[in-house]
Amino acid sequence: MFTGIIEELGRVRRLERRGEGVRIRVEARVVSEGTKEGDSIAVNGVCLTALDVEKGSFAADGSRETLQRSTLGNLRAGSFVNLERAVTPATRLGGHIVQGHVDARGRFLSAESHGGSWTVRVGYPKELARYLVFKGSVAVEGISLTVAALAEEHFEIAVIPKTWAVTNLSRLRPGDDVNLEADIIAKYVERILAVGRSGDGEPQPPGLTLEKLADLGFK
């Protein structure tokens, strides 16, 4: 599990195709410290297993599924990547709960400067629409961000100077693909509301309903 607070902007040193997958080696001074083989590191929001950890770098394998669903297949030697180590029980949850399981690819549309801060517009596929809400959380390239404006096919996020400086957002160009992960809480709520009866038709124990949410003040 991750928080979407990027620790370091790493750089891909090399990529090696292995069948339908890939092994990448990433230059990383911060996240390689204290990392052991088998630890989890989010690379542009994709949870990968650290392998062959060296001082200043680590390797990781990407499967066919990972390459198809995320933007890892677009990486090249020299590409900048957002890096975050998995949280520990003592870690501050500065962002939101991020699993590192990319839901879909979005598209970087534009970035408008406001004298240091930025408004970034990101296009999203239809299947993610039900999980996006105004002022809700979304992970873009592994970065925990807040939806500042929401339209039918895109959303906007407000990016502070610190985030702009320490992530790969400043290096994206219009049309570039980006990894998107919706808030896991939204997925659980959807599932709870969807399950009303078991497979044999027997009623389920009372759960969360739209009426109960309304009674609790969620309108």
C-alpha atoms as a PDB file:
ATOM      1  CA  MET A   1       0.000   0.000   0.000  1.00  0.00           C
ATOM      2  CA  PHE A   2       1.127   3.556  -0.772  1.00  0.00           C
ATOM      3  CA  THR A   3       0.001   7.089   0.009  1.00  0.00           C
ATOM      4  CA  GLY A   4       0.617   8.816  -3.321  1.00  0.00           C
ATOM      5  CA  ILE A   5       3.267  11.120  -1.827  1.00  0.00           C
ATOM      6  CA  ILE A   6       6.219  10.830  -4.202  1.00  0.00           C
ATOM      7  CA  GLU A   7       9.572  10.361  -2.501  1.00  0.00           C
ATOM      8  CA  GLU A   8      11.855  10.717  -5.470  1.00  0.00           C
ATOM      9  CA  LEU A   9      11.965  11.362  -9.193  1.00  0.00           C
ATOM     10  CA  GLY A  10      13.966   8.435 -10.535  1.00  0.00           C
ATOM     11  CA  ARG A  11      15.268   7.734 -13.998  1.00  0.00           C
ATOM     12  CA  VAL A  12      15.153   4.586 -16.094  1.00  0.00           C
ATOM     13  CA  ARG A  13      18.673   3.361 -16.723  1.00  0.00           C
ATOM     14  CA  ARG A  14      17.786   0.512 -19.079  1.00  0.00           C
ATOM     15  CA  LEU A  15      14.979  -1.802 -20.181  1.00  0.00           C
ATOM     16  CA  GLU A  16      15.292  -5.421 -21.194  1.00  0.00           C
ATOM     17  CA  ARG A  17      12.450  -7.210 -22.967  1.00  0.00           C
ATOM     18  CA  ARG A  18      11.774 -10.668 -21.511  1.00  0.00           C
ATOM     19  CA  GLY A  19       9.188 -12.509 -23.574  1.00  0.00           C
ATOM     20  CA  GLU A  20       6.006 -10.460 -23.275  1.00  0.00           C
ATOM     21  CA  GLY A  21       7.252  -8.720 -20.145  1.00  0.00           C
ATOM     22  CA  VAL A  22      10.102  -6.375 -19.323  1.00  0.00           C
ATOM     23  CA  ARG A  23      12.777  -5.845 -16.714  1.00  0.00           C
ATOM     24  CA  ILE A  24      13.683  -2.259 -15.922  1.00  0.00           C
ATOM     25  CA  ARG A  25      16.521  -0.819 -13.889  1.00  0.00           C
ATOM     26  CA  VAL A  26      15.821   2.500 -12.219  1.00  0.00           C
ATOM     27  CA  GLU A  27      18.313   4.974 -10.829  1.00  0.00           C
ATOM     28  CA  ALA A  28      17.051   5.891  -7.366  1.00  0.00           C
ATOM     29  CA  ARG A  29      19.183   7.346  -4.603  1.00  0.00           C
ATOM     30  CA  VAL A  30      16.456   7.757  -1.940  1.00  0.00           C
ATOM     31  CA  VAL A  31      14.126   4.767  -2.347  1.00  0.00           C
ATOM     32  CA  SER A  32      16.969   2.274  -2.762  1.00  0.00           C
ATOM     33  CA  GLU A  33      18.151   3.084   0.774  1.00  0.00           C
ATOM     34  CA  GLY A  34      16.942   0.426   3.195  1.00  0.00           C
ATOM     35  CA  THR A  35      15.115  -1.427   0.418  1.00  0.00           C
ATOM     36  CA  LYS A  36      15.491  -5.195   0.304  1.00  0.00           C
ATOM     37  CA  GLU A  37      14.815  -7.576  -2.561  1.00  0.00           C
ATOM     38  CA  GLY A  38      11.102  -8.355  -2.532  1.00  0.00           C
ATOM     39  CA  ASP A  39      10.021  -4.970  -1.161  1.00  0.00           C
ATOM     40  CA  SER A  40       7.320  -3.047  -3.010  1.00  0.00           C
ATOM     41  CA  ILE A  41       8.018   0.215  -4.834  1.00  0.00           C
ATOM     42  CA  ALA A  42       5.472   2.183  -6.847  1.00  0.00           C
ATOM     43  CA  VAL A  43       6.868   3.279 -10.218  1.00  0.00           C
ATOM     44  CA  ASN A  44       4.586   5.871 -11.810  1.00  0.00           C
ATOM     45  CA  GLY A  45       1.839   4.452  -9.629  1.00  0.00           C
ATOM     46  CA  VAL A  46       2.458   0.797 -10.524  1.00  0.00           C
ATOM     47  CA  CYS A  47       3.298  -1.496  -7.611  1.00  0.00           C
ATOM     48  CA  LEU A  48       6.449  -3.434  -8.542  1.00  0.00           C
ATOM     49  CA  THR A  49       8.700  -5.808  -6.633  1.00  0.00           C
ATOM     50  CA  ALA A  50      12.249  -4.575  -6.109  1.00  0.00           C
ATOM     51  CA  LEU A  51      14.901  -6.966  -7.444  1.00  0.00           C
ATOM     52  CA  ASP A  52      18.697  -6.889  -7.532  1.00  0.00           C
ATOM     53  CA  VAL A  53      18.844  -3.827  -5.274  1.00  0.00           C
ATOM     54  CA  GLU A  54      22.111  -1.904  -5.475  1.00  0.00           C
ATOM     55  CA  LYS A  55      23.288   1.347  -3.984  1.00  0.00           C
ATOM     56  CA  GLY A  56      21.556   3.980  -6.064  1.00  0.00           C
ATOM     57  CA  SER A  57      19.366   1.676  -8.175  1.00  0.00           C
ATOM     58  CA  PHE A  58      16.991  -1.280  -8.276  1.00  0.00           C
ATOM     59  CA  ALA A  59      15.474  -3.545 -10.899  1.00  0.00           C
ATOM     60  CA  ALA A  60      11.851  -4.664 -11.313  1.00  0.00           C
ATOM     61  CA  ASP A  61       9.880  -6.886 -13.656  1.00  0.00           C
ATOM     62  CA  GLY A  62       6.710  -5.856 -15.465  1.00  0.00           C
ATOM     63  CA  SER A  63       4.317  -8.538 -16.700  1.00  0.00           C
ATOM     64  CA  ARG A  64       2.284  -8.542 -19.886  1.00  0.00           C
ATOM     65  CA  GLU A  65      -0.810  -7.455 -17.923  1.00  0.00           C
ATOM     66  CA  THR A  66       1.092  -4.564 -16.341  1.00  0.00           C
ATOM     67  CA  LEU A  67       2.395  -3.379 -19.708  1.00  0.00           C
ATOM     68  CA  GLN A  68      -1.062  -3.529 -21.279  1.00  0.00           C
ATOM     69  CA  ARG A  69      -2.897  -1.726 -18.489  1.00  0.00           C
ATOM     70  CA  SER A  70      -0.299   0.887 -17.518  1.00  0.00           C
ATOM     71  CA  THR A  71       2.168   3.216 -19.211  1.00  0.00           C
ATOM     72  CA  LEU A  72       5.239   1.193 -18.212  1.00  0.00           C
ATOM     73  CA  GLY A  73       5.425  -0.153 -21.747  1.00  0.00           C
ATOM     74  CA  ASN A  74       6.030   3.401 -22.972  1.00  0.00           C
ATOM     75  CA  LEU A  75       9.138   3.911 -20.840  1.00  0.00           C
ATOM     76  CA  ARG A  76      12.542   4.278 -22.434  1.00  0.00           C
ATOM     77  CA  ALA A  77      16.075   4.619 -21.129  1.00  0.00           C
ATOM     78  CA  GLY A  78      16.234   8.132 -19.684  1.00  0.00           C
ATOM     79  CA  SER A  79      12.528   8.364 -18.806  1.00  0.00           C
ATOM     80  CA  PHE A  80      11.767  10.050 -15.490  1.00  0.00           C
ATOM     81  CA  VAL A  81       9.542   8.070 -13.116  1.00  0.00           C
ATOM     82  CA  ASN A  82       7.749   8.841  -9.841  1.00  0.00           C
ATOM     83  CA  LEU A  83       8.908   6.590  -6.997  1.00  0.00           C
ATOM     84  CA  GLU A  84       7.398   5.741  -3.626  1.00  0.00           C
ATOM     85  CA  ARG A  85       8.206   2.959  -1.174  1.00  0.00           C
ATOM     86  CA  ALA A  86       5.364   1.041   0.461  1.00  0.00           C
ATOM     87  CA  VAL A  87       4.030   2.481   3.701  1.00  0.00           C
ATOM     88  CA  THR A  88       4.883   1.120   7.133  1.00  0.00           C
ATOM     89  CA  PRO A  89       2.678   1.119  10.270  1.00  0.00           C
ATOM     90  CA  ALA A  90       4.503   4.269  11.385  1.00  0.00           C
ATOM     91  CA  THR A  91       4.149   6.142   8.093  1.00  0.00           C
ATOM     92  CA  ARG A  92       2.064   9.321   7.974  1.00  0.00           C
ATOM     93  CA  LEU A  93      -0.801   8.954   5.504  1.00  0.00           C
ATOM     94  CA  GLY A  94      -0.207  12.274   3.818  1.00  0.00           C
ATOM     95  CA  GLY A  95      -2.174  11.490   0.681  1.00  0.00           C
ATOM     96  CA  HIS A  96      -4.806   8.764   0.366  1.00  0.00           C
ATOM     97  CA  ILE A  97      -4.842   4.965   0.177  1.00  0.00           C
ATOM     98  CA  VAL A  98      -3.141   3.993  -3.094  1.00  0.00           C
ATOM     99  CA  GLN A  99      -2.766   0.319  -3.954  1.00  0.00           C
ATOM    100  CA  GLY A 100      -0.481   0.649  -6.933  1.00  0.00           C
ATOM    101  CA  HIS A 101      -3.035  -1.234  -9.058  1.00  0.00           C
ATOM    102  CA  VAL A 102      -3.621   0.916 -12.130  1.00  0.00           C
ATOM    103  CA  ASP A 103      -7.265   0.976 -13.236  1.00  0.00           C
ATOM    104  CA  ALA A 104      -6.798   2.548 -16.650  1.00  0.00           C
ATOM    105  CA  ARG A 105      -4.745   4.871 -18.765  1.00  0.00           C
ATOM    106  CA  GLY A 106      -5.747   8.491 -18.964  1.00  0.00           C
ATOM    107  CA  ARG A 107      -4.370  11.239 -21.161  1.00  0.00           C
ATOM    108  CA  PHE A 108      -2.480  14.367 -20.191  1.00  0.00           C
ATOM    109  CA  LEU A 109      -4.329  17.171 -21.956  1.00  0.00           C
ATOM    110  CA  SER A 110      -2.834  20.438 -20.730  1.00  0.00           C
ATOM    111  CA  ALA A 111      -1.138  22.322 -17.914  1.00  0.00           C
ATOM    112  CA  GLU A 112      -1.839  25.992 -17.224  1.00  0.00           C
ATOM    113  CA  SER A 113       0.555  27.994 -15.091  1.00  0.00           C
ATOM    114  CA  HIS A 114      -0.687  30.395 -12.412  1.00  0.00           C
ATOM    115  CA  GLY A 115       2.583  31.966 -11.338  1.00  0.00           C
ATOM    116  CA  GLY A 116       4.099  28.851  -9.772  1.00  0.00           C
ATOM    117  CA  SER A 117       1.069  26.634  -9.258  1.00  0.00           C
ATOM    118  CA  TRP A 118      -0.560  24.749 -12.102  1.00  0.00           C
ATOM    119  CA  THR A 119      -3.947  23.538 -13.275  1.00  0.00           C
ATOM    120  CA  VAL A 120      -3.558  20.193 -15.007  1.00  0.00           C
ATOM    121  CA  ARG A 121      -6.297  18.693 -17.179  1.00  0.00           C
ATOM    122  CA  VAL A 122      -6.461  14.909 -17.574  1.00  0.00           C
ATOM    123  CA  GLY A 123      -8.757  12.911 -19.834  1.00  0.00           C
ATOM    124  CA  TYR A 124     -10.201   9.698 -18.449  1.00  0.00           C
ATOM    125  CA  PRO A 125     -12.026   6.660 -19.931  1.00  0.00           C
ATOM    126  CA  LYS A 126     -15.747   6.147 -19.346  1.00  0.00           C
ATOM    127  CA  GLU A 127     -15.288   3.188 -17.001  1.00  0.00           C
ATOM    128  CA  LEU A 128     -13.650   5.454 -14.392  1.00  0.00           C
ATOM    129  CA  ALA A 129     -16.405   8.072 -14.380  1.00  0.00           C
ATOM    130  CA  ARG A 130     -18.394   6.462 -11.557  1.00  0.00           C
ATOM    131  CA  TYR A 131     -15.411   6.626  -9.194  1.00  0.00           C
ATOM    132  CA  LEU A 132     -14.561  10.302  -9.718  1.00  0.00           C
ATOM    133  CA  VAL A 133     -16.156  13.018  -7.599  1.00  0.00           C
ATOM    134  CA  PHE A 134     -15.513  16.718  -7.118  1.00  0.00           C
ATOM    135  CA  LYS A 135     -12.933  17.185  -4.320  1.00  0.00           C
ATOM    136  CA  GLY A 136     -12.359  13.418  -4.261  1.00  0.00           C
ATOM    137  CA  SER A 137      -8.982  11.678  -4.486  1.00  0.00           C
ATOM    138  CA  VAL A 138      -7.380  10.193  -7.579  1.00  0.00           C
ATOM    139  CA  ALA A 139      -3.863   8.921  -8.262  1.00  0.00           C
ATOM    140  CA  VAL A 140      -2.250  10.202 -11.457  1.00  0.00           C
ATOM    141  CA  GLU A 141       1.126   8.624 -12.237  1.00  0.00           C
ATOM    142  CA  GLY A 142       1.123   7.480  -8.616  1.00  0.00           C
ATOM    143  CA  ILE A 143       0.606  11.008  -7.246  1.00  0.00           C
ATOM    144  CA  SER A 144      -2.202  11.561  -4.749  1.00  0.00           C
ATOM    145  CA  LEU A 145      -4.224  14.455  -6.139  1.00  0.00           C
ATOM    146  CA  THR A 146      -7.606  16.098  -5.568  1.00  0.00           C
ATOM    147  CA  VAL A 147     -10.195  16.556  -8.301  1.00  0.00           C
ATOM    148  CA  ALA A 148     -10.637  20.322  -8.555  1.00  0.00           C
ATOM    149  CA  ALA A 149     -13.096  20.276 -11.446  1.00  0.00           C
ATOM    150  CA  LEU A 150     -14.944  17.418 -13.114  1.00  0.00           C
ATOM    151  CA  ALA A 151     -16.363  17.205 -16.630  1.00  0.00           C
ATOM    152  CA  GLU A 152     -17.786  14.327 -18.644  1.00  0.00           C
ATOM    153  CA  GLU A 153     -14.496  13.257 -20.231  1.00  0.00           C
ATOM    154  CA  HIS A 154     -11.801  15.018 -18.210  1.00  0.00           C
ATOM    155  CA  PHE A 155     -10.975  16.314 -14.755  1.00  0.00           C
ATOM    156  CA  GLU A 156      -8.729  19.087 -13.484  1.00  0.00           C
ATOM    157  CA  ILE A 157      -6.250  18.979 -10.621  1.00  0.00           C
ATOM    158  CA  ALA A 158      -4.510  21.849  -8.863  1.00  0.00           C
ATOM    159  CA  VAL A 159      -0.781  21.208  -8.560  1.00  0.00           C
ATOM    160  CA  ILE A 160       1.381  23.086  -6.064  1.00  0.00           C
ATOM    161  CA  PRO A 161       4.976  24.098  -6.930  1.00  0.00           C
ATOM    162  CA  LYS A 162       6.489  21.334  -4.753  1.00  0.00           C
ATOM    163  CA  THR A 163       4.564  18.581  -6.536  1.00  0.00           C
ATOM    164  CA  TRP A 164       5.363  20.101  -9.929  1.00  0.00           C
ATOM    165  CA  ALA A 165       9.075  20.151  -9.089  1.00  0.00           C
ATOM    166  CA  VAL A 166       9.487  16.642  -7.623  1.00  0.00           C
ATOM    167  CA  THR A 167       7.306  14.594 -10.006  1.00  0.00           C
ATOM    168  CA  ASN A 168       7.205  13.871 -13.713  1.00  0.00           C
ATOM    169  CA  LEU A 169       4.137  16.072 -14.301  1.00  0.00           C
ATOM    170  CA  SER A 170       6.359  18.899 -15.520  1.00  0.00           C
ATOM    171  CA  ARG A 171       7.812  16.585 -18.177  1.00  0.00           C
ATOM    172  CA  LEU A 172       4.525  15.411 -19.658  1.00  0.00           C
ATOM    173  CA  ARG A 173       3.327  16.717 -22.988  1.00  0.00           C
ATOM    174  CA  PRO A 174      -0.242  16.968 -24.349  1.00  0.00           C
ATOM    175  CA  GLY A 175      -1.302  13.563 -25.592  1.00  0.00           C
ATOM    176  CA  ASP A 176       0.942  11.569 -23.241  1.00  0.00           C
ATOM    177  CA  ASP A 177      -0.660   8.600 -21.519  1.00  0.00           C
ATOM    178  CA  VAL A 178      -0.833   8.613 -17.701  1.00  0.00           C
ATOM    179  CA  ASN A 179      -1.641   5.935 -15.136  1.00  0.00           C
ATOM    180  CA  LEU A 180      -4.908   6.422 -13.244  1.00  0.00           C
ATOM    181  CA  GLU A 181      -6.038   4.704 -10.056  1.00  0.00           C
ATOM    182  CA  ALA A 182      -9.413   5.494  -8.521  1.00  0.00           C
ATOM    183  CA  ASP A 183      -9.974   5.694  -4.780  1.00  0.00           C
ATOM    184  CA  ILE A 184     -10.381   2.165  -3.376  1.00  0.00           C
ATOM    185  CA  ILE A 185     -13.064   3.388  -0.950  1.00  0.00           C
ATOM    186  CA  ALA A 186     -15.299   4.294  -3.905  1.00  0.00           C
ATOM    187  CA  LYS A 187     -14.907   0.760  -5.273  1.00  0.00           C
ATOM    188  CA  TYR A 188     -15.879  -0.829  -1.972  1.00  0.00           C
ATOM    189  CA  VAL A 189     -18.947   1.405  -1.622  1.00  0.00           C
ATOM    190  CA  GLU A 190     -20.017   0.462  -5.153  1.00  0.00           C
ATOM    191  CA  ARG A 191     -19.642  -3.236  -4.361  1.00  0.00           C
ATOM    192  CA  ILE A 192     -21.561  -3.002  -1.093  1.00  0.00           C
ATOM    193  CA  LEU A 193     -24.439  -1.240  -2.806  1.00  0.00           C
ATOM    194  CA  ALA A 194     -24.432  -3.711  -5.704  1.00  0.00           C
ATOM    195  CA  VAL A 195     -24.635  -6.881  -3.618  1.00  0.00           C
ATOM    196  CA  GLY A 196     -28.212  -7.296  -2.437  1.00  0.00           C
ATOM    197  CA  ARG A 197     -28.793 -11.015  -2.783  1.00  0.00           C
ATOM    198  CA  SER A 198     -26.656 -14.135  -2.774  1.00  0.00           C
ATOM    199  CA  GLY A 199     -26.350 -16.440  -5.750  1.00  0.00           C
ATOM    200  CA  ASP A 200     -29.171 -18.714  -4.510  1.00  0.00           C
ATOM    201  CA  GLY A 201     -31.595 -15.834  -4.048  1.00  0.00           C
ATOM    202  CA  GLU A 202     -31.391 -15.743  -0.273  1.00  0.00           C
ATOM    203  CA  PRO A 203     -31.513 -12.239   1.218  1.00  0.00           C
ATOM    204  CA  GLN A 204     -28.213 -10.900   2.498  1.00  0.00           C
ATOM    205  CA  PRO A 205     -27.809  -9.369   5.963  1.00  0.00           C
ATOM    206  CA  PRO A 206     -28.727  -5.662   6.032  1.00  0.00           C
ATOM    207  CA  GLY A 207     -25.888  -3.634   4.545  1.00  0.00           C
ATOM    208  CA  LEU A 208     -25.232  -0.158   3.244  1.00  0.00           C
ATOM    209  CA  THR A 209     -28.038   1.253   1.114  1.00  0.00           C
ATOM    210  CA  LEU A 210     -28.756   4.596  -0.495  1.00  0.00           C
ATOM    211  CA  GLU A 211     -31.524   5.123   2.075  1.00  0.00           C
ATOM    212  CA  LYS A 212     -29.177   4.409   4.970  1.00  0.00           C
ATOM    213  CA  LEU A 213     -26.604   6.834   3.567  1.00  0.00           C
ATOM    214  CA  ALA A 214     -29.312   9.486   3.315  1.00  0.00           C
ATOM    215  CA  ASP A 215     -30.317   8.844   6.937  1.00  0.00           C
ATOM    216  CA  LEU A 216     -26.700   9.376   7.953  1.00  0.00           C
ATOM    217  CA  GLY A 217     -26.648  12.769   6.247  1.00  0.00           C
ATOM    218  CA  PHE A 218     -25.022  11.828   2.927  1.00  0.00           C
ATOM    219  CA  LYS A 219     -27.305  13.495   0.420  1.00  0.00           C
END
